[in-house]
Amino acid sequence: KQRELVALITSSGGITDGGSGEGRFTVSRDNAKNTVFLQID
């Protein structure tokens, strides 16, 4: 399949959810460490 969006998050915390995770995916970030996370349940 084609590559699809999971989720994006801005530096201020705004989130764009691609909808693929059906509520099971959570994106977050640590700005101090320049790190983005994806929790998949």
PDB file of all heavy atoms in Angstrom:
ATOM      1  N   LYS A   1       0.824  -1.196   0.000  1.00  0.00           N
ATOM      2  CA  LYS A   1       0.000   0.000   0.000  1.00  0.00           C
ATOM      3  C   LYS A   1       0.865   1.256   0.000  1.00  0.00           C
ATOM      4  O   LYS A   1       2.073   1.205   0.224  1.00  0.00           O
ATOM      5  CB  LYS A   1      -0.927   0.018   1.216  1.00  0.00           C
ATOM      6  CG  LYS A   1      -1.934  -1.120   1.251  1.00  0.00           C
ATOM      7  CD  LYS A   1      -2.870  -0.992   2.434  1.00  0.00           C
ATOM      8  CE  LYS A   1      -3.900  -2.098   2.452  1.00  0.00           C
ATOM      9  NZ  LYS A   1      -4.831  -1.963   3.601  1.00  0.00           N
ATOM     10  N   GLN A   2       0.226   2.383  -0.258  1.00  0.00           N
ATOM     11  CA  GLN A   2       0.910   3.667  -0.244  1.00  0.00           C
ATOM     12  C   GLN A   2       1.195   4.113   1.190  1.00  0.00           C
ATOM     13  O   GLN A   2       0.491   3.743   2.128  1.00  0.00           O
ATOM     14  CB  GLN A   2       0.075   4.722  -0.959  1.00  0.00           C
ATOM     15  CG  GLN A   2      -0.167   4.456  -2.439  1.00  0.00           C
ATOM     16  CD  GLN A   2       1.068   4.708  -3.275  1.00  0.00           C
ATOM     17  OE1 GLN A   2       2.023   5.344  -2.832  1.00  0.00           O
ATOM     18  NE2 GLN A   2       1.066   4.215  -4.496  1.00  0.00           N
ATOM     19  N   ARG A   3       2.217   4.911   1.315  1.00  0.00           N
ATOM     20  CA  ARG A   3       2.525   5.473   2.610  1.00  0.00           C
ATOM     21  C   ARG A   3       1.386   6.382   3.069  1.00  0.00           C
ATOM     22  O   ARG A   3       0.835   7.147   2.278  1.00  0.00           O
ATOM     23  CB  ARG A   3       3.834   6.258   2.543  1.00  0.00           C
ATOM     24  CG  ARG A   3       4.351   6.731   3.888  1.00  0.00           C
ATOM     25  CD  ARG A   3       5.734   7.351   3.764  1.00  0.00           C
ATOM     26  NE  ARG A   3       6.711   6.392   3.245  1.00  0.00           N
ATOM     27  CZ  ARG A   3       8.001   6.651   3.101  1.00  0.00           C
ATOM     28  NH1 ARG A   3       8.486   7.841   3.435  1.00  0.00           N
ATOM     29  NH2 ARG A   3       8.816   5.723   2.610  1.00  0.00           N
ATOM     30  N   GLU A   4       1.031   6.297   4.331  1.00  0.00           N
ATOM     31  CA  GLU A   4      -0.093   7.032   4.852  1.00  0.00           C
ATOM     32  C   GLU A   4       0.271   7.748   6.144  1.00  0.00           C
ATOM     33  O   GLU A   4       1.146   7.318   6.896  1.00  0.00           O
ATOM     34  CB  GLU A   4      -1.289   6.104   5.103  1.00  0.00           C
ATOM     35  CG  GLU A   4      -1.036   5.051   6.167  1.00  0.00           C
ATOM     36  CD  GLU A   4      -2.175   4.063   6.306  1.00  0.00           C
ATOM     37  OE1 GLU A   4      -2.704   3.627   5.258  1.00  0.00           O
ATOM     38  OE2 GLU A   4      -2.548   3.736   7.450  1.00  0.00           O
ATOM     39  N   LEU A   5      -0.431   8.821   6.390  1.00  0.00           N
ATOM     40  CA  LEU A   5      -0.196   9.612   7.591  1.00  0.00           C
ATOM     41  C   LEU A   5      -0.729   8.894   8.823  1.00  0.00           C
ATOM     42  O   LEU A   5      -1.861   8.416   8.836  1.00  0.00           O
ATOM     43  CB  LEU A   5      -0.878  10.977   7.456  1.00  0.00           C
ATOM     44  CG  LEU A   5      -0.884  11.857   8.711  1.00  0.00           C
ATOM     45  CD1 LEU A   5       0.530  12.321   9.049  1.00  0.00           C
ATOM     46  CD2 LEU A   5      -1.800  13.062   8.513  1.00  0.00           C
ATOM     47  N   VAL A   6       0.088   8.859   9.856  1.00  0.00           N
ATOM     48  CA  VAL A   6      -0.358   8.377  11.153  1.00  0.00           C
ATOM     49  C   VAL A   6      -0.763   9.562  12.025  1.00  0.00           C
ATOM     50  O   VAL A   6      -1.917   9.682  12.439  1.00  0.00           O
ATOM     51  CB  VAL A   6       0.725   7.538  11.849  1.00  0.00           C
ATOM     52  CG1 VAL A   6       0.264   7.134  13.252  1.00  0.00           C
ATOM     53  CG2 VAL A   6       1.057   6.310  11.021  1.00  0.00           C
ATOM     54  N   ALA A   7       0.190  10.443  12.302  1.00  0.00           N
ATOM     55  CA  ALA A   7      -0.102  11.632  13.087  1.00  0.00           C
ATOM     56  C   ALA A   7       1.067  12.602  13.004  1.00  0.00           C
ATOM     57  O   ALA A   7       2.221  12.192  12.863  1.00  0.00           O
ATOM     58  CB  ALA A   7      -0.382  11.281  14.551  1.00  0.00           C
ATOM     59  N   LEU A   8       0.752  13.882  13.106  1.00  0.00           N
ATOM     60  CA  LEU A   8       1.751  14.935  13.158  1.00  0.00           C
ATOM     61  C   LEU A   8       1.502  15.789  14.394  1.00  0.00           C
ATOM     62  O   LEU A   8       0.362  15.929  14.848  1.00  0.00           O
ATOM     63  CB  LEU A   8       1.697  15.819  11.911  1.00  0.00           C
ATOM     64  CG  LEU A   8       1.967  15.147  10.569  1.00  0.00           C
ATOM     65  CD1 LEU A   8       1.697  16.123   9.431  1.00  0.00           C
ATOM     66  CD2 LEU A   8       3.393  14.635  10.501  1.00  0.00           C
ATOM     67  N   ILE A   9       2.557  16.377  14.903  1.00  0.00           N
ATOM     68  CA  ILE A   9       2.443  17.238  16.071  1.00  0.00           C
ATOM     69  C   ILE A   9       3.368  18.427  15.904  1.00  0.00           C
ATOM     70  O   ILE A   9       4.530  18.295  15.527  1.00  0.00           O
ATOM     71  CB  ILE A   9       2.741  16.451  17.366  1.00  0.00           C
ATOM     72  CG1 ILE A   9       2.548  17.338  18.596  1.00  0.00           C
ATOM     73  CG2 ILE A   9       4.125  15.824  17.324  1.00  0.00           C
ATOM     74  CD1 ILE A   9       2.554  16.557  19.903  1.00  0.00           C
ATOM     75  N   THR A  10       2.845  19.613  16.168  1.00  0.00           N
ATOM     76  CA  THR A  10       3.635  20.824  16.049  1.00  0.00           C
ATOM     77  C   THR A  10       4.452  21.056  17.313  1.00  0.00           C
ATOM     78  O   THR A  10       4.273  20.382  18.328  1.00  0.00           O
ATOM     79  CB  THR A  10       2.738  22.040  15.792  1.00  0.00           C
ATOM     80  OG1 THR A  10       1.968  22.323  16.978  1.00  0.00           O
ATOM     81  CG2 THR A  10       1.787  21.781  14.633  1.00  0.00           C
ATOM     82  N   SER A  11       5.335  22.032  17.240  1.00  0.00           N
ATOM     83  CA  SER A  11       6.166  22.356  18.394  1.00  0.00           C
ATOM     84  C   SER A  11       5.353  22.880  19.563  1.00  0.00           C
ATOM     85  O   SER A  11       5.805  22.818  20.707  1.00  0.00           O
ATOM     86  CB  SER A  11       7.246  23.362  18.009  1.00  0.00           C
ATOM     87  OG  SER A  11       6.682  24.524  17.435  1.00  0.00           O
ATOM     88  N   SER A  12       4.159  23.384  19.282  1.00  0.00           N
ATOM     89  CA  SER A  12       3.288  23.879  20.337  1.00  0.00           C
ATOM     90  C   SER A  12       2.274  22.847  20.808  1.00  0.00           C
ATOM     91  O   SER A  12       1.459  23.137  21.680  1.00  0.00           O
ATOM     92  CB  SER A  12       2.564  25.144  19.877  1.00  0.00           C
ATOM     93  OG  SER A  12       1.775  24.893  18.732  1.00  0.00           O
ATOM     94  N   GLY A  13       2.310  21.654  20.227  1.00  0.00           N
ATOM     95  CA  GLY A  13       1.459  20.581  20.693  1.00  0.00           C
ATOM     96  C   GLY A  13       0.223  20.299  19.867  1.00  0.00           C
ATOM     97  O   GLY A  13      -0.555  19.400  20.217  1.00  0.00           O
ATOM     98  N   GLY A  14       0.005  21.040  18.802  1.00  0.00           N
ATOM     99  CA  GLY A  14      -1.132  20.775  17.950  1.00  0.00           C
ATOM    100  C   GLY A  14      -0.969  19.485  17.172  1.00  0.00           C
ATOM    101  O   GLY A  14       0.094  19.208  16.624  1.00  0.00           O
ATOM    102  N   ILE A  15      -2.025  18.698  17.105  1.00  0.00           N
ATOM    103  CA  ILE A  15      -1.952  17.363  16.529  1.00  0.00           C
ATOM    104  C   ILE A  15      -2.863  17.239  15.320  1.00  0.00           C
ATOM    105  O   ILE A  15      -4.009  17.688  15.342  1.00  0.00           O
ATOM    106  CB  ILE A  15      -2.331  16.302  17.578  1.00  0.00           C
ATOM    107  CG1 ILE A  15      -1.300  16.277  18.701  1.00  0.00           C
ATOM    108  CG2 ILE A  15      -2.458  14.921  16.933  1.00  0.00           C
ATOM    109  CD1 ILE A  15      -1.677  15.392  19.867  1.00  0.00           C
ATOM    110  N   THR A  16      -2.332  16.621  14.289  1.00  0.00           N
ATOM    111  CA  THR A  16      -3.111  16.207  13.141  1.00  0.00           C
ATOM    112  C   THR A  16      -3.117  14.690  13.119  1.00  0.00           C
ATOM    113  O   THR A  16      -2.065  14.056  13.017  1.00  0.00           O
ATOM    114  CB  THR A  16      -2.527  16.738  11.830  1.00  0.00           C
ATOM    115  OG1 THR A  16      -2.559  18.167  11.835  1.00  0.00           O
ATOM    116  CG2 THR A  16      -3.340  16.236  10.643  1.00  0.00           C
ATOM    117  N   ASP A  17      -4.293  14.104  13.240  1.00  0.00           N
ATOM    118  CA  ASP A  17      -4.444  12.664  13.289  1.00  0.00           C
ATOM    119  C   ASP A  17      -4.894  12.152  11.930  1.00  0.00           C
ATOM    120  O   ASP A  17      -5.918  12.600  11.402  1.00  0.00           O
ATOM    121  CB  ASP A  17      -5.467  12.287  14.362  1.00  0.00           C
ATOM    122  CG  ASP A  17      -5.483  10.797  14.672  1.00  0.00           C
ATOM    123  OD1 ASP A  17      -5.015   9.993  13.837  1.00  0.00           O
ATOM    124  OD2 ASP A  17      -5.977  10.431  15.753  1.00  0.00           O
ATOM    125  N   GLY A  18      -4.135  11.228  11.383  1.00  0.00           N
ATOM    126  CA  GLY A  18      -4.487  10.673  10.095  1.00  0.00           C
ATOM    127  C   GLY A  18      -5.649   9.705  10.128  1.00  0.00           C
ATOM    128  O   GLY A  18      -6.193   9.361   9.081  1.00  0.00           O
ATOM    129  N   GLY A  19      -6.022   9.247  11.306  1.00  0.00           N
ATOM    130  CA  GLY A  19      -7.164   8.369  11.444  1.00  0.00           C
ATOM    131  C   GLY A  19      -6.872   6.894  11.286  1.00  0.00           C
ATOM    132  O   GLY A  19      -7.765   6.066  11.496  1.00  0.00           O
ATOM    133  N   SER A  20      -5.654   6.539  10.964  1.00  0.00           N
ATOM    134  CA  SER A  20      -5.330   5.142  10.723  1.00  0.00           C
ATOM    135  C   SER A  20      -5.383   4.294  11.986  1.00  0.00           C
ATOM    136  O   SER A  20      -5.659   3.098  11.922  1.00  0.00           O
ATOM    137  CB  SER A  20      -3.940   5.025  10.091  1.00  0.00           C
ATOM    138  OG  SER A  20      -3.881   5.726   8.857  1.00  0.00           O
ATOM    139  N   GLY A  21      -5.112   4.916  13.111  1.00  0.00           N
ATOM    140  CA  GLY A  21      -4.999   4.167  14.347  1.00  0.00           C
ATOM    141  C   GLY A  21      -6.301   3.920  15.078  1.00  0.00           C
ATOM    142  O   GLY A  21      -6.305   3.213  16.093  1.00  0.00           O
ATOM    143  N   GLU A  22      -7.366   4.503  14.597  1.00  0.00           N
ATOM    144  CA  GLU A  22      -8.688   4.299  15.202  1.00  0.00           C
ATOM    145  C   GLU A  22      -8.680   4.593  16.699  1.00  0.00           C
ATOM    146  O   GLU A  22      -9.304   3.886  17.485  1.00  0.00           O
ATOM    147  CB  GLU A  22      -9.170   2.872  14.931  1.00  0.00           C
ATOM    148  CG  GLU A  22      -9.265   2.528  13.463  1.00  0.00           C
ATOM    149  CD  GLU A  22      -9.584   1.064  13.223  1.00  0.00           C
ATOM    150  OE1 GLU A  22      -9.083   0.222  13.993  1.00  0.00           O
ATOM    151  OE2 GLU A  22     -10.344   0.774  12.279  1.00  0.00           O
ATOM    152  N   GLY A  23      -7.949   5.627  17.092  1.00  0.00           N
ATOM    153  CA  GLY A  23      -7.873   6.014  18.477  1.00  0.00           C
ATOM    154  C   GLY A  23      -6.841   5.272  19.291  1.00  0.00           C
ATOM    155  O   GLY A  23      -6.685   5.559  20.483  1.00  0.00           O
ATOM    156  N   ARG A  24      -6.127   4.349  18.696  1.00  0.00           N
ATOM    157  CA  ARG A  24      -5.147   3.548  19.414  1.00  0.00           C
ATOM    158  C   ARG A  24      -3.738   4.125  19.360  1.00  0.00           C
ATOM    159  O   ARG A  24      -2.849   3.624  20.058  1.00  0.00           O
ATOM    160  CB  ARG A  24      -5.132   2.123  18.854  1.00  0.00           C
ATOM    161  CG  ARG A  24      -6.471   1.400  19.002  1.00  0.00           C
ATOM    162  CD  ARG A  24      -6.445   0.020  18.340  1.00  0.00           C
ATOM    163  NE  ARG A  24      -6.290   0.120  16.892  1.00  0.00           N
ATOM    164  CZ  ARG A  24      -5.181  -0.202  16.235  1.00  0.00           C
ATOM    165  NH1 ARG A  24      -4.121  -0.654  16.889  1.00  0.00           N
ATOM    166  NH2 ARG A  24      -5.125  -0.082  14.919  1.00  0.00           N
ATOM    167  N   PHE A  25      -3.531   5.152  18.551  1.00  0.00           N
ATOM    168  CA  PHE A  25      -2.212   5.764  18.401  1.00  0.00           C
ATOM    169  C   PHE A  25      -2.192   7.115  19.098  1.00  0.00           C
ATOM    170  O   PHE A  25      -3.136   7.903  18.964  1.00  0.00           O
ATOM    171  CB  PHE A  25      -1.870   5.974  16.926  1.00  0.00           C
ATOM    172  CG  PHE A  25      -1.718   4.705  16.124  1.00  0.00           C
ATOM    173  CD1 PHE A  25      -1.414   4.778  14.770  1.00  0.00           C
ATOM    174  CD2 PHE A  25      -1.855   3.455  16.700  1.00  0.00           C
ATOM    175  CE1 PHE A  25      -1.262   3.629  14.020  1.00  0.00           C
ATOM    176  CE2 PHE A  25      -1.712   2.296  15.955  1.00  0.00           C
ATOM    177  CZ  PHE A  25      -1.412   2.388  14.606  1.00  0.00           C
ATOM    178  N   THR A  26      -1.120   7.380  19.813  1.00  0.00           N
ATOM    179  CA  THR A  26      -0.949   8.650  20.494  1.00  0.00           C
ATOM    180  C   THR A  26       0.421   9.218  20.172  1.00  0.00           C
ATOM    181  O   THR A  26       1.435   8.584  20.470  1.00  0.00           O
ATOM    182  CB  THR A  26      -1.104   8.501  22.013  1.00  0.00           C
ATOM    183  OG1 THR A  26      -2.381   7.931  22.323  1.00  0.00           O
ATOM    184  CG2 THR A  26      -0.982   9.866  22.685  1.00  0.00           C
ATOM    185  N   VAL A  27       0.449  10.400  19.581  1.00  0.00           N
ATOM    186  CA  VAL A  27       1.706  11.055  19.258  1.00  0.00           C
ATOM    187  C   VAL A  27       2.011  12.104  20.325  1.00  0.00           C
ATOM    188  O   VAL A  27       1.101  12.774  20.834  1.00  0.00           O
ATOM    189  CB  VAL A  27       1.660  11.690  17.853  1.00  0.00           C
ATOM    190  CG1 VAL A  27       0.659  12.830  17.789  1.00  0.00           C
ATOM    191  CG2 VAL A  27       3.050  12.162  17.430  1.00  0.00           C
ATOM    192  N   SER A  28       3.262  12.218  20.681  1.00  0.00           N
ATOM    193  CA  SER A  28       3.704  13.215  21.645  1.00  0.00           C
ATOM    194  C   SER A  28       5.137  13.608  21.310  1.00  0.00           C
ATOM    195  O   SER A  28       5.772  12.986  20.460  1.00  0.00           O
ATOM    196  CB  SER A  28       3.597  12.688  23.079  1.00  0.00           C
ATOM    197  OG  SER A  28       4.416  11.544  23.269  1.00  0.00           O
ATOM    198  N   ARG A  29       5.631  14.636  21.984  1.00  0.00           N
ATOM    199  CA  ARG A  29       6.995  15.065  21.717  1.00  0.00           C
ATOM    200  C   ARG A  29       7.628  15.676  22.954  1.00  0.00           C
ATOM    201  O   ARG A  29       6.941  16.181  23.847  1.00  0.00           O
ATOM    202  CB  ARG A  29       7.051  16.058  20.545  1.00  0.00           C
ATOM    203  CG  ARG A  29       6.264  17.337  20.750  1.00  0.00           C
ATOM    204  CD  ARG A  29       6.235  18.159  19.457  1.00  0.00           C
ATOM    205  NE  ARG A  29       7.519  18.781  19.178  1.00  0.00           N
ATOM    206  CZ  ARG A  29       7.846  19.339  18.012  1.00  0.00           C
ATOM    207  NH1 ARG A  29       6.991  19.308  16.995  1.00  0.00           N
ATOM    208  NH2 ARG A  29       9.031  19.902  17.857  1.00  0.00           N
ATOM    209  N   ASP A  30       8.928  15.623  22.969  1.00  0.00           N
ATOM    210  CA  ASP A  30       9.736  16.244  24.000  1.00  0.00           C
ATOM    211  C   ASP A  30      10.613  17.264  23.291  1.00  0.00           C
ATOM    212  O   ASP A  30      11.615  16.910  22.676  1.00  0.00           O
ATOM    213  CB  ASP A  30      10.578  15.204  24.737  1.00  0.00           C
ATOM    214  CG  ASP A  30      11.362  15.788  25.895  1.00  0.00           C
ATOM    215  OD1 ASP A  30      11.618  17.004  25.909  1.00  0.00           O
ATOM    216  OD2 ASP A  30      11.729  15.016  26.801  1.00  0.00           O
ATOM    217  N   ASN A  31      10.224  18.508  23.370  1.00  0.00           N
ATOM    218  CA  ASN A  31      10.940  19.547  22.635  1.00  0.00           C
ATOM    219  C   ASN A  31      12.379  19.721  23.118  1.00  0.00           C
ATOM    220  O   ASN A  31      13.270  20.015  22.322  1.00  0.00           O
ATOM    221  CB  ASN A  31      10.192  20.872  22.748  1.00  0.00           C
ATOM    222  CG  ASN A  31       8.899  20.878  21.973  1.00  0.00           C
ATOM    223  OD1 ASN A  31       8.739  20.129  21.000  1.00  0.00           O
ATOM    224  ND2 ASN A  31       7.959  21.716  22.371  1.00  0.00           N
ATOM    225  N   ALA A  32      12.597  19.547  24.401  1.00  0.00           N
ATOM    226  CA  ALA A  32      13.940  19.706  24.941  1.00  0.00           C
ATOM    227  C   ALA A  32      14.903  18.674  24.382  1.00  0.00           C
ATOM    228  O   ALA A  32      16.107  18.934  24.277  1.00  0.00           O
ATOM    229  CB  ALA A  32      13.909  19.637  26.465  1.00  0.00           C
ATOM    230  N   LYS A  33      14.388  17.507  24.034  1.00  0.00           N
ATOM    231  CA  LYS A  33      15.226  16.437  23.513  1.00  0.00           C
ATOM    232  C   LYS A  33      15.042  16.214  22.021  1.00  0.00           C
ATOM    233  O   LYS A  33      15.607  15.268  21.470  1.00  0.00           O
ATOM    234  CB  LYS A  33      14.943  15.136  24.266  1.00  0.00           C
ATOM    235  CG  LYS A  33      15.275  15.207  25.742  1.00  0.00           C
ATOM    236  CD  LYS A  33      15.016  13.882  26.436  1.00  0.00           C
ATOM    237  CE  LYS A  33      15.394  13.952  27.901  1.00  0.00           C
ATOM    238  NZ  LYS A  33      15.154  12.658  28.599  1.00  0.00           N
ATOM    239  N   ASN A  34      14.259  17.067  21.380  1.00  0.00           N
ATOM    240  CA  ASN A  34      13.995  16.941  19.942  1.00  0.00           C
ATOM    241  C   ASN A  34      13.555  15.530  19.575  1.00  0.00           C
ATOM    242  O   ASN A  34      14.055  14.925  18.623  1.00  0.00           O
ATOM    243  CB  ASN A  34      15.231  17.344  19.136  1.00  0.00           C
ATOM    244  CG  ASN A  34      15.605  18.798  19.315  1.00  0.00           C
ATOM    245  OD1 ASN A  34      14.743  19.671  19.377  1.00  0.00           O
ATOM    246  ND2 ASN A  34      16.898  19.064  19.399  1.00  0.00           N
ATOM    247  N   THR A  35      12.623  15.033  20.334  1.00  0.00           N
ATOM    248  CA  THR A  35      12.175  13.660  20.178  1.00  0.00           C
ATOM    249  C   THR A  35      10.660  13.605  20.025  1.00  0.00           C
ATOM    250  O   THR A  35       9.935  14.303  20.740  1.00  0.00           O
ATOM    251  CB  THR A  35      12.600  12.805  21.379  1.00  0.00           C
ATOM    252  OG1 THR A  35      14.023  12.854  21.517  1.00  0.00           O
ATOM    253  CG2 THR A  35      12.175  11.357  21.195  1.00  0.00           C
ATOM    254  N   VAL A  36      10.209  12.777  19.107  1.00  0.00           N
ATOM    255  CA  VAL A  36       8.793  12.539  18.921  1.00  0.00           C
ATOM    256  C   VAL A  36       8.518  11.065  19.195  1.00  0.00           C
ATOM    257  O   VAL A  36       9.336  10.199  18.876  1.00  0.00           O
ATOM    258  CB  VAL A  36       8.327  12.945  17.507  1.00  0.00           C
ATOM    259  CG1 VAL A  36       9.038  12.133  16.433  1.00  0.00           C
ATOM    260  CG2 VAL A  36       6.817  12.807  17.379  1.00  0.00           C
ATOM    261  N   PHE A  37       7.368  10.801  19.794  1.00  0.00           N
ATOM    262  CA  PHE A  37       6.998   9.448  20.183  1.00  0.00           C
ATOM    263  C   PHE A  37       5.693   9.052  19.516  1.00  0.00           C
ATOM    264  O   PHE A  37       4.862   9.889  19.174  1.00  0.00           O
ATOM    265  CB  PHE A  37       6.823   9.342  21.697  1.00  0.00           C
ATOM    266  CG  PHE A  37       8.006   9.800  22.489  1.00  0.00           C
ATOM    267  CD1 PHE A  37       8.078  11.107  22.967  1.00  0.00           C
ATOM    268  CD2 PHE A  37       9.047   8.941  22.772  1.00  0.00           C
ATOM    269  CE1 PHE A  37       9.159  11.533  23.709  1.00  0.00           C
ATOM    270  CE2 PHE A  37      10.138   9.351  23.508  1.00  0.00           C
ATOM    271  CZ  PHE A  37      10.192  10.653  23.976  1.00  0.00           C
ATOM    272  N   LEU A  38       5.529   7.764  19.370  1.00  0.00           N
ATOM    273  CA  LEU A  38       4.261   7.208  18.940  1.00  0.00           C
ATOM    274  C   LEU A  38       3.934   6.020  19.831  1.00  0.00           C
ATOM    275  O   LEU A  38       4.610   4.992  19.768  1.00  0.00           O
ATOM    276  CB  LEU A  38       4.287   6.772  17.477  1.00  0.00           C
ATOM    277  CG  LEU A  38       2.953   6.242  16.939  1.00  0.00           C
ATOM    278  CD1 LEU A  38       1.916   7.359  16.870  1.00  0.00           C
ATOM    279  CD2 LEU A  38       3.130   5.591  15.569  1.00  0.00           C
ATOM    280  N   GLN A  39       2.928   6.187  20.659  1.00  0.00           N
ATOM    281  CA  GLN A  39       2.447   5.110  21.501  1.00  0.00           C
ATOM    282  C   GLN A  39       1.356   4.376  20.751  1.00  0.00           C
ATOM    283  O   GLN A  39       0.365   4.978  20.336  1.00  0.00           O
ATOM    284  CB  GLN A  39       1.902   5.660  22.822  1.00  0.00           C
ATOM    285  CG  GLN A  39       1.305   4.615  23.748  1.00  0.00           C
ATOM    286  CD  GLN A  39       2.344   3.709  24.370  1.00  0.00           C
ATOM    287  OE1 GLN A  39       3.462   4.145  24.645  1.00  0.00           O
ATOM    288  NE2 GLN A  39       1.986   2.453  24.594  1.00  0.00           N
ATOM    289  N   ILE A  40       1.540   3.088  20.574  1.00  0.00           N
ATOM    290  CA  ILE A  40       0.575   2.260  19.869  1.00  0.00           C
ATOM    291  C   ILE A  40       0.044   1.212  20.833  1.00  0.00           C
ATOM    292  O   ILE A  40       0.807   0.395  21.353  1.00  0.00           O
ATOM    293  CB  ILE A  40       1.176   1.567  18.642  1.00  0.00           C
ATOM    294  CG1 ILE A  40       1.987   2.556  17.801  1.00  0.00           C
ATOM    295  CG2 ILE A  40       0.072   0.935  17.801  1.00  0.00           C
ATOM    296  CD1 ILE A  40       2.700   1.918  16.629  1.00  0.00           C
ATOM    297  N   ASP A  41      -1.240   1.226  21.052  1.00  0.00           N
ATOM    298  CA  ASP A  41      -1.884   0.283  21.956  1.00  0.00           C
ATOM    299  C   ASP A  41      -2.807  -0.647  21.184  1.00  0.00           C
ATOM    300  O   ASP A  41      -3.250  -0.342  20.078  1.00  0.00           O
ATOM    301  CB  ASP A  41      -2.674   1.027  23.032  1.00  0.00           C
ATOM    302  CG  ASP A  41      -1.814   1.894  23.919  1.00  0.00           C
ATOM    303  OD1 ASP A  41      -0.726   1.439  24.318  1.00  0.00           O
ATOM    304  OD2 ASP A  41      -2.227   3.039  24.224  1.00  0.00           O
TER     305      ASP A  41
END
